[in-house]
């Protein structure tokens, strides 16, 4: 009978923990950047928000994938 790889499971949970704040910060910053389109910082804030949301998606995918490997391999 196979057992769960605990170190791999913790690594996956760390990825998911890193994605959690980014999944809230990205949309909030994106919304605030679209409310201030006339500000000179609009474009850098917009780029930061898009990068944060892309990083959240990547970390979620990587975390779920790692957890599944820990449970089922």
C-alpha atoms as a PDB file:
ATOM      1  CA  UNK A   1       0.000   0.000   0.000  1.00  0.00           C
ATOM      2  CA  UNK A   2       1.351   3.410  -0.991  1.00  0.00           C
ATOM      3  CA  UNK A   3       1.602   6.280   1.459  1.00  0.00           C
ATOM      4  CA  UNK A   4       1.467  10.015   0.995  1.00  0.00           C
ATOM      5  CA  UNK A   5       4.774  11.740   0.338  1.00  0.00           C
ATOM      6  CA  UNK A   6       4.638  14.303   3.150  1.00  0.00           C
ATOM      7  CA  UNK A   7       7.527  16.465   1.984  1.00  0.00           C
ATOM      8  CA  UNK A   8       6.023  16.782  -1.490  1.00  0.00           C
ATOM      9  CA  UNK A   9       2.628  17.528   0.036  1.00  0.00           C
ATOM     10  CA  UNK A  10       4.093  20.356   2.136  1.00  0.00           C
ATOM     11  CA  UNK A  11       5.817  21.769  -0.935  1.00  0.00           C
ATOM     12  CA  UNK A  12       2.492  21.837  -2.774  1.00  0.00           C
ATOM     13  CA  UNK A  13       0.760  23.485   0.157  1.00  0.00           C
ATOM     14  CA  UNK A  14       3.477  26.161   0.203  1.00  0.00           C
ATOM     15  CA  UNK A  15       2.770  26.899  -3.453  1.00  0.00           C
ATOM     16  CA  UNK A  16      -0.932  27.209  -2.673  1.00  0.00           C
ATOM     17  CA  UNK A  17      -0.198  29.441   0.336  1.00  0.00           C
ATOM     18  CA  UNK A  18       1.835  31.725  -1.916  1.00  0.00           C
ATOM     19  CA  UNK A  19      -0.994  31.899  -4.446  1.00  0.00           C
ATOM     20  CA  UNK A  20      -3.595  32.893  -1.862  1.00  0.00           C
ATOM     21  CA  UNK A  21      -2.464  36.484  -1.217  1.00  0.00           C
ATOM     22  CA  UNK A  22      -1.693  37.061  -4.891  1.00  0.00           C
ATOM     23  CA  UNK A  23      -5.211  35.985  -5.858  1.00  0.00           C
ATOM     24  CA  UNK A  24      -6.582  38.830  -3.722  1.00  0.00           C
ATOM     25  CA  UNK A  25      -3.914  41.477  -4.353  1.00  0.00           C
ATOM     26  CA  UNK A  26      -3.973  41.196  -8.150  1.00  0.00           C
ATOM     27  CA  UNK A  27      -7.655  42.023  -8.763  1.00  0.00           C
ATOM     28  CA  UNK A  28      -7.683  44.757  -6.096  1.00  0.00           C
ATOM     29  CA  UNK A  29      -4.678  46.498  -7.649  1.00  0.00           C
ATOM     30  CA  UNK A  30      -6.156  46.033 -11.146  1.00  0.00           C
ATOM     31  CA  UNK A  31      -9.418  47.658 -10.059  1.00  0.00           C
ATOM     32  CA  UNK A  32      -7.620  50.573  -8.438  1.00  0.00           C
ATOM     33  CA  UNK A  33      -5.452  51.086 -11.507  1.00  0.00           C
ATOM     34  CA  UNK A  34      -8.523  51.282 -13.764  1.00  0.00           C
ATOM     35  CA  UNK A  35     -10.100  53.819 -11.422  1.00  0.00           C
ATOM     36  CA  UNK A  36      -7.031  56.080 -11.809  1.00  0.00           C
ATOM     37  CA  UNK A  37      -6.379  56.000 -15.546  1.00  0.00           C
ATOM     38  CA  UNK A  38      -5.281  59.636 -15.607  1.00  0.00           C
ATOM     39  CA  UNK A  39      -2.504  59.004 -13.076  1.00  0.00           C
ATOM     40  CA  UNK A  40       1.065  58.739 -14.460  1.00  0.00           C
ATOM     41  CA  UNK A  41       1.524  55.496 -12.459  1.00  0.00           C
ATOM     42  CA  UNK A  42      -1.366  53.817 -14.298  1.00  0.00           C
ATOM     43  CA  UNK A  43       0.737  51.662 -16.614  1.00  0.00           C
ATOM     44  CA  UNK A  44       3.248  50.339 -14.024  1.00  0.00           C
ATOM     45  CA  UNK A  45       0.435  49.527 -11.586  1.00  0.00           C
ATOM     46  CA  UNK A  46      -1.520  47.808 -14.348  1.00  0.00           C
ATOM     47  CA  UNK A  47       1.503  45.718 -15.309  1.00  0.00           C
ATOM     48  CA  UNK A  48       2.097  44.798 -11.649  1.00  0.00           C
ATOM     49  CA  UNK A  49      -1.527  43.693 -11.284  1.00  0.00           C
ATOM     50  CA  UNK A  50      -1.386  41.539 -14.404  1.00  0.00           C
ATOM     51  CA  UNK A  51       1.871  39.927 -13.268  1.00  0.00           C
ATOM     52  CA  UNK A  52       0.406  39.260  -9.806  1.00  0.00           C
ATOM     53  CA  UNK A  53      -2.671  37.583 -11.277  1.00  0.00           C
ATOM     54  CA  UNK A  54      -0.578  35.496 -13.678  1.00  0.00           C
ATOM     55  CA  UNK A  55       1.679  34.442 -10.804  1.00  0.00           C
ATOM     56  CA  UNK A  56      -1.362  33.456  -8.738  1.00  0.00           C
ATOM     57  CA  UNK A  57      -2.659  31.270 -11.556  1.00  0.00           C
ATOM     58  CA  UNK A  58       0.749  29.670 -12.058  1.00  0.00           C
ATOM     59  CA  UNK A  59       1.256  29.003  -8.351  1.00  0.00           C
ATOM     60  CA  UNK A  60      -2.239  27.515  -8.032  1.00  0.00           C
ATOM     61  CA  UNK A  61      -1.620  25.185 -10.953  1.00  0.00           C
ATOM     62  CA  UNK A  62       1.815  24.203  -9.645  1.00  0.00           C
ATOM     63  CA  UNK A  63       0.486  23.691  -6.107  1.00  0.00           C
ATOM     64  CA  UNK A  64      -2.478  21.543  -7.117  1.00  0.00           C
ATOM     65  CA  UNK A  65      -0.270  19.525  -9.444  1.00  0.00           C
ATOM     66  CA  UNK A  66       2.291  18.937  -6.668  1.00  0.00           C
ATOM     67  CA  UNK A  67      -0.398  17.942  -4.157  1.00  0.00           C
ATOM     68  CA  UNK A  68      -1.861  15.464  -6.630  1.00  0.00           C
ATOM     69  CA  UNK A  69       1.579  13.956  -7.206  1.00  0.00           C
ATOM     70  CA  UNK A  70       2.080  13.645  -3.455  1.00  0.00           C
ATOM     71  CA  UNK A  71      -1.230  11.894  -2.985  1.00  0.00           C
ATOM     72  CA  UNK A  72      -1.423   9.595  -5.992  1.00  0.00           C
ATOM     73  CA  UNK A  73       2.139   8.739  -7.105  1.00  0.00           C
END
